[in-house]
Amino acid sequence: MSISDSHHGDDLRLLVTVTSNGAAKDITGATVAAVARKGSTTVTPTATIQDAAAGTVLISANEGQLGQGLWKVQLRVTLGDETQTVFDDTHHVHASAFAA
């Protein structure tokens, strides 16, 4: 687990590299899904494969979609018959002087 952060009102952009045994995994043909959860609040960020051969996936949420606090963000990849949660992050959304 790691901790990433942003400020309330910012767009969320997390670029994740799917790995297997420490090397980038080719996820050509895979489907991806992301979820962000804080207490009983659940948000479904967009998960988009950026470069399948390099195993990179972008998790994104629009401005202000995640309120202040600590969010559990996960990425799940399904490739063939195998489904795995490949990213598990605590994301801290800080207060911002720009956000109302």
PDB file of N, CA and C in Angstrom:
ATOM      1  N   MET A   1       0.841  -1.177   0.000  1.00  0.00           N
ATOM      2  CA  MET A   1       0.000   0.000   0.000  1.00  0.00           C
ATOM      3  C   MET A   1       0.886   1.240   0.000  1.00  0.00           C
ATOM      4  N   SER A   2       0.419   2.256  -0.695  1.00  0.00           N
ATOM      5  CA  SER A   2       1.127   3.528  -0.711  1.00  0.00           C
ATOM      6  C   SER A   2       0.124   4.635  -0.418  1.00  0.00           C
ATOM      7  N   ILE A   3       0.616   5.849  -0.284  1.00  0.00           N
ATOM      8  CA  ILE A   3      -0.271   6.987  -0.091  1.00  0.00           C
ATOM      9  C   ILE A   3       0.075   8.032  -1.146  1.00  0.00           C
ATOM     10  N   SER A   4      -0.922   8.378  -1.970  1.00  0.00           N
ATOM     11  CA  SER A   4      -0.775   9.471  -2.930  1.00  0.00           C
ATOM     12  C   SER A   4      -1.643  10.615  -2.425  1.00  0.00           C
ATOM     13  N   ASP A   5      -1.506  11.785  -3.040  1.00  0.00           N
ATOM     14  CA  ASP A   5      -2.338  12.885  -2.567  1.00  0.00           C
ATOM     15  C   ASP A   5      -2.655  13.885  -3.664  1.00  0.00           C
ATOM     16  N   SER A   6      -3.699  14.664  -3.429  1.00  0.00           N
ATOM     17  CA  SER A   6      -4.119  15.758  -4.293  1.00  0.00           C
ATOM     18  C   SER A   6      -4.868  16.753  -3.413  1.00  0.00           C
ATOM     19  N   HIS A   7      -5.409  17.782  -4.021  1.00  0.00           N
ATOM     20  CA  HIS A   7      -6.186  18.786  -3.287  1.00  0.00           C
ATOM     21  C   HIS A   7      -7.625  18.763  -3.765  1.00  0.00           C
ATOM     22  N   HIS A   8      -8.546  19.072  -2.852  1.00  0.00           N
ATOM     23  CA  HIS A   8      -9.970  19.105  -3.184  1.00  0.00           C
ATOM     24  C   HIS A   8     -10.174  20.068  -4.354  1.00  0.00           C
ATOM     25  N   GLY A   9     -10.921  19.633  -5.351  1.00  0.00           N
ATOM     26  CA  GLY A   9     -11.160  20.430  -6.545  1.00  0.00           C
ATOM     27  C   GLY A   9     -10.222  20.082  -7.689  1.00  0.00           C
ATOM     28  N   ASP A  10      -9.165  19.318  -7.419  1.00  0.00           N
ATOM     29  CA  ASP A  10      -8.248  18.899  -8.480  1.00  0.00           C
ATOM     30  C   ASP A  10      -8.817  17.680  -9.202  1.00  0.00           C
ATOM     31  N   ASP A  11      -8.402  17.515 -10.464  1.00  0.00           N
ATOM     32  CA  ASP A  11      -8.670  16.263 -11.165  1.00  0.00           C
ATOM     33  C   ASP A  11      -7.761  15.195 -10.560  1.00  0.00           C
ATOM     34  N   LEU A  12      -8.240  13.979 -10.481  1.00  0.00           N
ATOM     35  CA  LEU A  12      -7.416  12.849 -10.029  1.00  0.00           C
ATOM     36  C   LEU A  12      -6.823  12.177 -11.258  1.00  0.00           C
ATOM     37  N   ARG A  13      -5.520  11.990 -11.271  1.00  0.00           N
ATOM     38  CA  ARG A  13      -4.831  11.290 -12.344  1.00  0.00           C
ATOM     39  C   ARG A  13      -3.760  10.402 -11.717  1.00  0.00           C
ATOM     40  N   LEU A  14      -3.972   9.102 -11.751  1.00  0.00           N
ATOM     41  CA  LEU A  14      -2.989   8.145 -11.240  1.00  0.00           C
ATOM     42  C   LEU A  14      -2.618   7.204 -12.382  1.00  0.00           C
ATOM     43  N   LEU A  15      -1.352   7.188 -12.766  1.00  0.00           N
ATOM     44  CA  LEU A  15      -0.885   6.289 -13.806  1.00  0.00           C
ATOM     45  C   LEU A  15      -0.273   5.069 -13.127  1.00  0.00           C
ATOM     46  N   VAL A  16      -0.849   3.916 -13.420  1.00  0.00           N
ATOM     47  CA  VAL A  16      -0.460   2.661 -12.781  1.00  0.00           C
ATOM     48  C   VAL A  16       0.172   1.746 -13.815  1.00  0.00           C
ATOM     49  N   THR A  17       1.282   1.120 -13.452  1.00  0.00           N
ATOM     50  CA  THR A  17       1.882   0.099 -14.310  1.00  0.00           C
ATOM     51  C   THR A  17       1.598  -1.260 -13.688  1.00  0.00           C
ATOM     52  N   VAL A  18       0.905  -2.105 -14.441  1.00  0.00           N
ATOM     53  CA  VAL A  18       0.607  -3.467 -13.993  1.00  0.00           C
ATOM     54  C   VAL A  18       1.881  -4.288 -14.158  1.00  0.00           C
ATOM     55  N   THR A  19       2.273  -4.983 -13.096  1.00  0.00           N
ATOM     56  CA  THR A  19       3.513  -5.754 -13.146  1.00  0.00           C
ATOM     57  C   THR A  19       3.270  -7.220 -12.790  1.00  0.00           C
ATOM     58  N   SER A  20       4.202  -8.034 -13.222  1.00  0.00           N
ATOM     59  CA  SER A  20       4.233  -9.450 -12.857  1.00  0.00           C
ATOM     60  C   SER A  20       5.692  -9.796 -12.608  1.00  0.00           C
ATOM     61  N   ASN A  21       5.998 -10.258 -11.400  1.00  0.00           N
ATOM     62  CA  ASN A  21       7.372 -10.574 -11.016  1.00  0.00           C
ATOM     63  C   ASN A  21       8.308  -9.386 -11.233  1.00  0.00           C
ATOM     64  N   GLY A  22       7.805  -8.170 -10.974  1.00  0.00           N
ATOM     65  CA  GLY A  22       8.627  -6.978 -11.052  1.00  0.00           C
ATOM     66  C   GLY A  22       8.765  -6.350 -12.424  1.00  0.00           C
ATOM     67  N   ALA A  23       8.216  -6.992 -13.451  1.00  0.00           N
ATOM     68  CA  ALA A  23       8.310  -6.448 -14.806  1.00  0.00           C
ATOM     69  C   ALA A  23       6.921  -6.042 -15.298  1.00  0.00           C
ATOM     70  N   ALA A  24       6.882  -5.030 -16.179  1.00  0.00           N
ATOM     71  CA  ALA A  24       5.603  -4.596 -16.744  1.00  0.00           C
ATOM     72  C   ALA A  24       4.935  -5.770 -17.450  1.00  0.00           C
ATOM     73  N   LYS A  25       3.613  -5.899 -17.260  1.00  0.00           N
ATOM     74  CA  LYS A  25       2.858  -7.014 -17.841  1.00  0.00           C
ATOM     75  C   LYS A  25       2.055  -6.502 -19.032  1.00  0.00           C
ATOM     76  N   ASP A  26       2.120  -7.219 -20.135  1.00  0.00           N
ATOM     77  CA  ASP A  26       1.311  -6.912 -21.316  1.00  0.00           C
ATOM     78  C   ASP A  26      -0.140  -7.243 -20.980  1.00  0.00           C
ATOM     79  N   ILE A  27      -1.012  -6.250 -21.037  1.00  0.00           N
ATOM     80  CA  ILE A  27      -2.424  -6.459 -20.695  1.00  0.00           C
ATOM     81  C   ILE A  27      -3.323  -6.307 -21.925  1.00  0.00           C
ATOM     82  N   THR A  28      -2.764  -6.588 -23.093  1.00  0.00           N
ATOM     83  CA  THR A  28      -3.550  -6.534 -24.324  1.00  0.00           C
ATOM     84  C   THR A  28      -4.753  -7.461 -24.192  1.00  0.00           C
ATOM     85  N   GLY A  29      -5.942  -6.930 -24.488  1.00  0.00           N
ATOM     86  CA  GLY A  29      -7.181  -7.707 -24.393  1.00  0.00           C
ATOM     87  C   GLY A  29      -7.822  -7.685 -23.018  1.00  0.00           C
ATOM     88  N   ALA A  30      -7.211  -7.004 -22.074  1.00  0.00           N
ATOM     89  CA  ALA A  30      -7.741  -6.955 -20.698  1.00  0.00           C
ATOM     90  C   ALA A  30      -8.861  -5.921 -20.584  1.00  0.00           C
ATOM     91  N   THR A  31      -9.659  -6.083 -19.534  1.00  0.00           N
ATOM     92  CA  THR A  31     -10.590  -5.035 -19.121  1.00  0.00           C
ATOM     93  C   THR A  31     -10.125  -4.548 -17.758  1.00  0.00           C
ATOM     94  N   VAL A  32     -10.391  -3.262 -17.494  1.00  0.00           N
ATOM     95  CA  VAL A  32      -9.936  -2.658 -16.240  1.00  0.00           C
ATOM     96  C   VAL A  32     -11.092  -1.917 -15.585  1.00  0.00           C
ATOM     97  N   ALA A  33     -11.069  -1.864 -14.260  1.00  0.00           N
ATOM     98  CA  ALA A  33     -12.088  -1.136 -13.493  1.00  0.00           C
ATOM     99  C   ALA A  33     -11.437  -0.578 -12.244  1.00  0.00           C
ATOM    100  N   ALA A  34     -11.898   0.615 -11.847  1.00  0.00           N
ATOM    101  CA  ALA A  34     -11.372   1.254 -10.637  1.00  0.00           C
ATOM    102  C   ALA A  34     -12.511   1.611  -9.705  1.00  0.00           C
ATOM    103  N   VAL A  35     -12.179   1.701  -8.433  1.00  0.00           N
ATOM    104  CA  VAL A  35     -13.145   2.123  -7.417  1.00  0.00           C
ATOM    105  C   VAL A  35     -12.405   2.962  -6.383  1.00  0.00           C
ATOM    106  N   ALA A  36     -13.096   3.973  -5.856  1.00  0.00           N
ATOM    107  CA  ALA A  36     -12.570   4.781  -4.757  1.00  0.00           C
ATOM    108  C   ALA A  36     -13.632   4.786  -3.666  1.00  0.00           C
ATOM    109  N   ARG A  37     -13.213   4.527  -2.422  1.00  0.00           N
ATOM    110  CA  ARG A  37     -14.175   4.416  -1.322  1.00  0.00           C
ATOM    111  C   ARG A  37     -13.661   5.173  -0.104  1.00  0.00           C
ATOM    112  N   LYS A  38     -14.568   5.961   0.496  1.00  0.00           N
ATOM    113  CA  LYS A  38     -14.283   6.655   1.760  1.00  0.00           C
ATOM    114  C   LYS A  38     -15.505   6.440   2.637  1.00  0.00           C
ATOM    115  N   GLY A  39     -15.344   5.632   3.684  1.00  0.00           N
ATOM    116  CA  GLY A  39     -16.489   5.289   4.535  1.00  0.00           C
ATOM    117  C   GLY A  39     -17.564   4.621   3.702  1.00  0.00           C
ATOM    118  N   SER A  40     -18.779   5.167   3.727  1.00  0.00           N
ATOM    119  CA  SER A  40     -19.880   4.576   2.963  1.00  0.00           C
ATOM    120  C   SER A  40     -20.037   5.208   1.580  1.00  0.00           C
ATOM    121  N   THR A  41     -19.124   6.134   1.224  1.00  0.00           N
ATOM    122  CA  THR A  41     -19.188   6.808  -0.076  1.00  0.00           C
ATOM    123  C   THR A  41     -18.308   6.077  -1.077  1.00  0.00           C
ATOM    124  N   THR A  42     -18.887   5.742  -2.228  1.00  0.00           N
ATOM    125  CA  THR A  42     -18.153   5.067  -3.294  1.00  0.00           C
ATOM    126  C   THR A  42     -18.219   5.905  -4.560  1.00  0.00           C
ATOM    127  N   VAL A  43     -17.082   6.077  -5.204  1.00  0.00           N
ATOM    128  CA  VAL A  43     -16.967   6.763  -6.481  1.00  0.00           C
ATOM    129  C   VAL A  43     -16.334   5.780  -7.448  1.00  0.00           C
ATOM    130  N   THR A  44     -16.781   5.813  -8.700  1.00  0.00           N
ATOM    131  CA  THR A  44     -16.205   4.943  -9.720  1.00  0.00           C
ATOM    132  C   THR A  44     -15.389   5.783 -10.693  1.00  0.00           C
ATOM    133  N   PRO A  45     -14.086   5.929 -10.438  1.00  0.00           N
ATOM    134  CA  PRO A  45     -13.243   6.669 -11.377  1.00  0.00           C
ATOM    135  C   PRO A  45     -13.167   5.922 -12.713  1.00  0.00           C
ATOM    136  N   THR A  46     -12.772   6.632 -13.738  1.00  0.00           N
ATOM    137  CA  THR A  46     -12.548   6.014 -15.042  1.00  0.00           C
ATOM    138  C   THR A  46     -11.197   5.309 -15.020  1.00  0.00           C
ATOM    139  N   ALA A  47     -11.153   4.097 -15.546  1.00  0.00           N
ATOM    140  CA  ALA A  47      -9.893   3.364 -15.712  1.00  0.00           C
ATOM    141  C   ALA A  47      -9.714   3.119 -17.206  1.00  0.00           C
ATOM    142  N   THR A  48      -8.591   3.620 -17.751  1.00  0.00           N
ATOM    143  CA  THR A  48      -8.342   3.549 -19.188  1.00  0.00           C
ATOM    144  C   THR A  48      -6.964   2.960 -19.433  1.00  0.00           C
ATOM    145  N   ILE A  49      -6.907   1.929 -20.262  1.00  0.00           N
ATOM    146  CA  ILE A  49      -5.608   1.373 -20.641  1.00  0.00           C
ATOM    147  C   ILE A  49      -4.914   2.388 -21.544  1.00  0.00           C
ATOM    148  N   GLN A  50      -3.729   2.837 -21.132  1.00  0.00           N
ATOM    149  CA  GLN A  50      -2.961   3.815 -21.901  1.00  0.00           C
ATOM    150  C   GLN A  50      -2.043   3.144 -22.907  1.00  0.00           C
ATOM    151  N   ASP A  51      -1.349   2.101 -22.480  1.00  0.00           N
ATOM    152  CA  ASP A  51      -0.419   1.362 -23.339  1.00  0.00           C
ATOM    153  C   ASP A  51      -0.476  -0.092 -22.886  1.00  0.00           C
ATOM    154  N   ALA A  52      -1.251  -0.902 -23.602  1.00  0.00           N
ATOM    155  CA  ALA A  52      -1.474  -2.294 -23.185  1.00  0.00           C
ATOM    156  C   ALA A  52      -0.172  -3.084 -23.120  1.00  0.00           C
ATOM    157  N   ALA A  53       0.694  -2.926 -24.109  1.00  0.00           N
ATOM    158  CA  ALA A  53       1.946  -3.690 -24.128  1.00  0.00           C
ATOM    159  C   ALA A  53       2.840  -3.340 -22.940  1.00  0.00           C
ATOM    160  N   ALA A  54       2.791  -2.086 -22.504  1.00  0.00           N
ATOM    161  CA  ALA A  54       3.604  -1.631 -21.366  1.00  0.00           C
ATOM    162  C   ALA A  54       2.866  -1.789 -20.045  1.00  0.00           C
ATOM    163  N   GLY A  55       1.595  -2.222 -20.089  1.00  0.00           N
ATOM    164  CA  GLY A  55       0.829  -2.471 -18.869  1.00  0.00           C
ATOM    165  C   GLY A  55       0.396  -1.226 -18.124  1.00  0.00           C
ATOM    166  N   THR A  56       0.264  -0.087 -18.817  1.00  0.00           N
ATOM    167  CA  THR A  56      -0.079   1.143 -18.107  1.00  0.00           C
ATOM    168  C   THR A  56      -1.571   1.462 -18.200  1.00  0.00           C
ATOM    169  N   VAL A  57      -2.121   1.862 -17.049  1.00  0.00           N
ATOM    170  CA  VAL A  57      -3.543   2.189 -16.914  1.00  0.00           C
ATOM    171  C   VAL A  57      -3.651   3.533 -16.205  1.00  0.00           C
ATOM    172  N   LEU A  58      -4.515   4.412 -16.720  1.00  0.00           N
ATOM    173  CA  LEU A  58      -4.769   5.693 -16.084  1.00  0.00           C
ATOM    174  C   LEU A  58      -6.076   5.611 -15.304  1.00  0.00           C
ATOM    175  N   ILE A  59      -6.005   5.933 -14.011  1.00  0.00           N
ATOM    176  CA  ILE A  59      -7.197   6.066 -13.169  1.00  0.00           C
ATOM    177  C   ILE A  59      -7.474   7.559 -13.063  1.00  0.00           C
ATOM    178  N   SER A  60      -8.685   7.975 -13.433  1.00  0.00           N
ATOM    179  CA  SER A  60      -8.984   9.407 -13.412  1.00  0.00           C
ATOM    180  C   SER A  60     -10.379   9.675 -12.867  1.00  0.00           C
ATOM    181  N   ALA A  61     -10.499  10.810 -12.188  1.00  0.00           N
ATOM    182  CA  ALA A  61     -11.786  11.295 -11.692  1.00  0.00           C
ATOM    183  C   ALA A  61     -11.816  12.795 -11.932  1.00  0.00           C
ATOM    184  N   ASN A  62     -12.982  13.308 -12.244  1.00  0.00           N
ATOM    185  CA  ASN A  62     -13.118  14.725 -12.549  1.00  0.00           C
ATOM    186  C   ASN A  62     -12.975  15.594 -11.319  1.00  0.00           C
ATOM    187  N   GLU A  63     -12.723  16.849 -11.578  1.00  0.00           N
ATOM    188  CA  GLU A  63     -12.554  17.876 -10.550  1.00  0.00           C
ATOM    189  C   GLU A  63     -13.625  17.775  -9.474  1.00  0.00           C
ATOM    190  N   GLY A  64     -13.177  17.634  -8.237  1.00  0.00           N
ATOM    191  CA  GLY A  64     -14.095  17.646  -7.104  1.00  0.00           C
ATOM    192  C   GLY A  64     -14.878  16.370  -6.876  1.00  0.00           C
ATOM    193  N   GLN A  65     -14.674  15.337  -7.705  1.00  0.00           N
ATOM    194  CA  GLN A  65     -15.419  14.085  -7.535  1.00  0.00           C
ATOM    195  C   GLN A  65     -15.099  13.415  -6.199  1.00  0.00           C
ATOM    196  N   LEU A  66     -13.862  13.586  -5.743  1.00  0.00           N
ATOM    197  CA  LEU A  66     -13.460  13.033  -4.454  1.00  0.00           C
ATOM    198  C   LEU A  66     -13.399  14.164  -3.440  1.00  0.00           C
ATOM    199  N   GLY A  67     -14.178  14.064  -2.385  1.00  0.00           N
ATOM    200  CA  GLY A  67     -14.152  15.064  -1.326  1.00  0.00           C
ATOM    201  C   GLY A  67     -12.921  14.907  -0.458  1.00  0.00           C
ATOM    202  N   GLN A  68     -12.733  15.836   0.458  1.00  0.00           N
ATOM    203  CA  GLN A  68     -11.581  15.796   1.351  1.00  0.00           C
ATOM    204  C   GLN A  68     -11.583  14.533   2.196  1.00  0.00           C
ATOM    205  N   GLY A  69     -10.399  14.047   2.488  1.00  0.00           N
ATOM    206  CA  GLY A  69     -10.251  12.884   3.353  1.00  0.00           C
ATOM    207  C   GLY A  69      -9.396  11.805   2.728  1.00  0.00           C
ATOM    208  N   LEU A  70      -9.388  10.650   3.382  1.00  0.00           N
ATOM    209  CA  LEU A  70      -8.606   9.502   2.923  1.00  0.00           C
ATOM    210  C   LEU A  70      -9.504   8.555   2.134  1.00  0.00           C
ATOM    211  N   TRP A  71      -9.102   8.266   0.917  1.00  0.00           N
ATOM    212  CA  TRP A  71      -9.849   7.384   0.017  1.00  0.00           C
ATOM    213  C   TRP A  71      -9.045   6.123  -0.263  1.00  0.00           C
ATOM    214  N   LYS A  72      -9.691   4.985  -0.282  1.00  0.00           N
ATOM    215  CA  LYS A  72      -9.089   3.718  -0.701  1.00  0.00           C
ATOM    216  C   LYS A  72      -9.341   3.619  -2.202  1.00  0.00           C
ATOM    217  N   VAL A  73      -8.281   3.572  -3.008  1.00  0.00           N
ATOM    218  CA  VAL A  73      -8.401   3.483  -4.462  1.00  0.00           C
ATOM    219  C   VAL A  73      -7.829   2.141  -4.905  1.00  0.00           C
ATOM    220  N   GLN A  74      -8.615   1.406  -5.679  1.00  0.00           N
ATOM    221  CA  GLN A  74      -8.158   0.101  -6.174  1.00  0.00           C
ATOM    222  C   GLN A  74      -8.392   0.001  -7.679  1.00  0.00           C
ATOM    223  N   LEU A  75      -7.523  -0.780  -8.325  1.00  0.00           N
ATOM    224  CA  LEU A  75      -7.637  -1.081  -9.750  1.00  0.00           C
ATOM    225  C   LEU A  75      -7.694  -2.589  -9.909  1.00  0.00           C
ATOM    226  N   ARG A  76      -8.667  -3.045 -10.670  1.00  0.00           N
ATOM    227  CA  ARG A  76      -8.830  -4.471 -10.933  1.00  0.00           C
ATOM    228  C   ARG A  76      -8.676  -4.706 -12.436  1.00  0.00           C
ATOM    229  N   VAL A  77      -7.906  -5.742 -12.787  1.00  0.00           N
ATOM    230  CA  VAL A  77      -7.658  -6.099 -14.184  1.00  0.00           C
ATOM    231  C   VAL A  77      -8.165  -7.514 -14.428  1.00  0.00           C
ATOM    232  N   THR A  78      -8.912  -7.675 -15.500  1.00  0.00           N
ATOM    233  CA  THR A  78      -9.354  -9.006 -15.925  1.00  0.00           C
ATOM    234  C   THR A  78      -8.713  -9.293 -17.272  1.00  0.00           C
ATOM    235  N   LEU A  79      -7.947 -10.384 -17.320  1.00  0.00           N
ATOM    236  CA  LEU A  79      -7.261 -10.811 -18.531  1.00  0.00           C
ATOM    237  C   LEU A  79      -7.530 -12.300 -18.695  1.00  0.00           C
ATOM    238  N   GLY A  80      -8.307 -12.627 -19.716  1.00  0.00           N
ATOM    239  CA  GLY A  80      -8.712 -14.023 -19.897  1.00  0.00           C
ATOM    240  C   GLY A  80      -9.590 -14.459 -18.736  1.00  0.00           C
ATOM    241  N   ASP A  81      -9.248 -15.568 -18.098  1.00  0.00           N
ATOM    242  CA  ASP A  81     -10.017 -16.103 -16.969  1.00  0.00           C
ATOM    243  C   ASP A  81      -9.555 -15.555 -15.626  1.00  0.00           C
ATOM    244  N   GLU A  82      -8.552 -14.701 -15.632  1.00  0.00           N
ATOM    245  CA  GLU A  82      -7.939 -14.240 -14.382  1.00  0.00           C
ATOM    246  C   GLU A  82      -8.340 -12.793 -14.069  1.00  0.00           C
ATOM    247  N   THR A  83      -8.824 -12.576 -12.844  1.00  0.00           N
ATOM    248  CA  THR A  83      -9.137 -11.233 -12.357  1.00  0.00           C
ATOM    249  C   THR A  83      -8.318 -10.985 -11.106  1.00  0.00           C
ATOM    250  N   GLN A  84      -7.615  -9.836 -11.089  1.00  0.00           N
ATOM    251  CA  GLN A  84      -6.791  -9.502  -9.926  1.00  0.00           C
ATOM    252  C   GLN A  84      -6.882  -8.017  -9.617  1.00  0.00           C
ATOM    253  N   THR A  85      -6.875  -7.703  -8.330  1.00  0.00           N
ATOM    254  CA  THR A  85      -6.705  -6.327  -7.890  1.00  0.00           C
ATOM    255  C   THR A  85      -5.208  -6.070  -7.916  1.00  0.00           C
ATOM    256  N   VAL A  86      -4.784  -5.166  -8.811  1.00  0.00           N
ATOM    257  CA  VAL A  86      -3.351  -4.964  -9.045  1.00  0.00           C
ATOM    258  C   VAL A  86      -2.820  -3.660  -8.461  1.00  0.00           C
ATOM    259  N   PHE A  87      -3.731  -2.832  -7.930  1.00  0.00           N
ATOM    260  CA  PHE A  87      -3.328  -1.551  -7.348  1.00  0.00           C
ATOM    261  C   PHE A  87      -4.211  -1.289  -6.156  1.00  0.00           C
ATOM    262  N   ASP A  88      -3.591  -0.923  -5.033  1.00  0.00           N
ATOM    263  CA  ASP A  88      -4.308  -0.670  -3.788  1.00  0.00           C
ATOM    264  C   ASP A  88      -3.609   0.511  -3.123  1.00  0.00           C
ATOM    265  N   ASP A  89      -4.265   1.664  -3.128  1.00  0.00           N
ATOM    266  CA  ASP A  89      -3.629   2.902  -2.700  1.00  0.00           C
ATOM    267  C   ASP A  89      -4.545   3.651  -1.746  1.00  0.00           C
ATOM    268  N   THR A  90      -3.964   4.310  -0.776  1.00  0.00           N
ATOM    269  CA  THR A  90      -4.708   5.269   0.029  1.00  0.00           C
ATOM    270  C   THR A  90      -4.404   6.633  -0.558  1.00  0.00           C
ATOM    271  N   HIS A  91      -5.448   7.324  -0.989  1.00  0.00           N
ATOM    272  CA  HIS A  91      -5.290   8.635  -1.620  1.00  0.00           C
ATOM    273  C   HIS A  91      -5.835   9.702  -0.680  1.00  0.00           C
ATOM    274  N   HIS A  92      -4.992  10.665  -0.327  1.00  0.00           N
ATOM    275  CA  HIS A  92      -5.370  11.726   0.602  1.00  0.00           C
ATOM    276  C   HIS A  92      -5.743  12.974  -0.195  1.00  0.00           C
ATOM    277  N   VAL A  93      -7.003  13.397  -0.068  1.00  0.00           N
ATOM    278  CA  VAL A  93      -7.462  14.639  -0.691  1.00  0.00           C
ATOM    279  C   VAL A  93      -7.412  15.725   0.382  1.00  0.00           C
ATOM    280  N   HIS A  94      -6.532  16.692   0.175  1.00  0.00           N
ATOM    281  CA  HIS A  94      -6.321  17.777   1.127  1.00  0.00           C
ATOM    282  C   HIS A  94      -7.292  18.932   0.869  1.00  0.00           C
ATOM    283  N   ALA A  95      -7.498  19.755   1.889  1.00  0.00           N
ATOM    284  CA  ALA A  95      -8.264  20.986   1.706  1.00  0.00           C
ATOM    285  C   ALA A  95      -7.517  21.891   0.738  1.00  0.00           C
ATOM    286  N   SER A  96      -8.267  22.714   0.008  1.00  0.00           N
ATOM    287  CA  SER A  96      -7.661  23.632  -0.947  1.00  0.00           C
ATOM    288  C   SER A  96      -8.272  25.012  -0.795  1.00  0.00           C
ATOM    289  N   ALA A  97      -7.446  26.030  -0.889  1.00  0.00           N
ATOM    290  CA  ALA A  97      -7.942  27.402  -0.846  1.00  0.00           C
ATOM    291  C   ALA A  97      -8.732  27.740  -2.102  1.00  0.00           C
ATOM    292  N   PHE A  98      -8.539  26.955  -3.182  1.00  0.00           N
ATOM    293  CA  PHE A  98      -9.255  27.192  -4.440  1.00  0.00           C
ATOM    294  C   PHE A  98     -10.655  26.605  -4.440  1.00  0.00           C
ATOM    295  N   ALA A  99     -10.872  25.545  -3.650  1.00  0.00           N
ATOM    296  CA  ALA A  99     -12.165  24.864  -3.641  1.00  0.00           C
ATOM    297  C   ALA A  99     -13.078  25.513  -2.621  1.00  0.00           C
ATOM    298  N   ALA A 100     -14.323  25.668  -3.008  1.00  0.00           N
ATOM    299  CA  ALA A 100     -15.308  26.278  -2.104  1.00  0.00           C
ATOM    300  C   ALA A 100     -15.760  25.290  -1.063  1.00  0.00           C
TER     301      ALA A 100
END
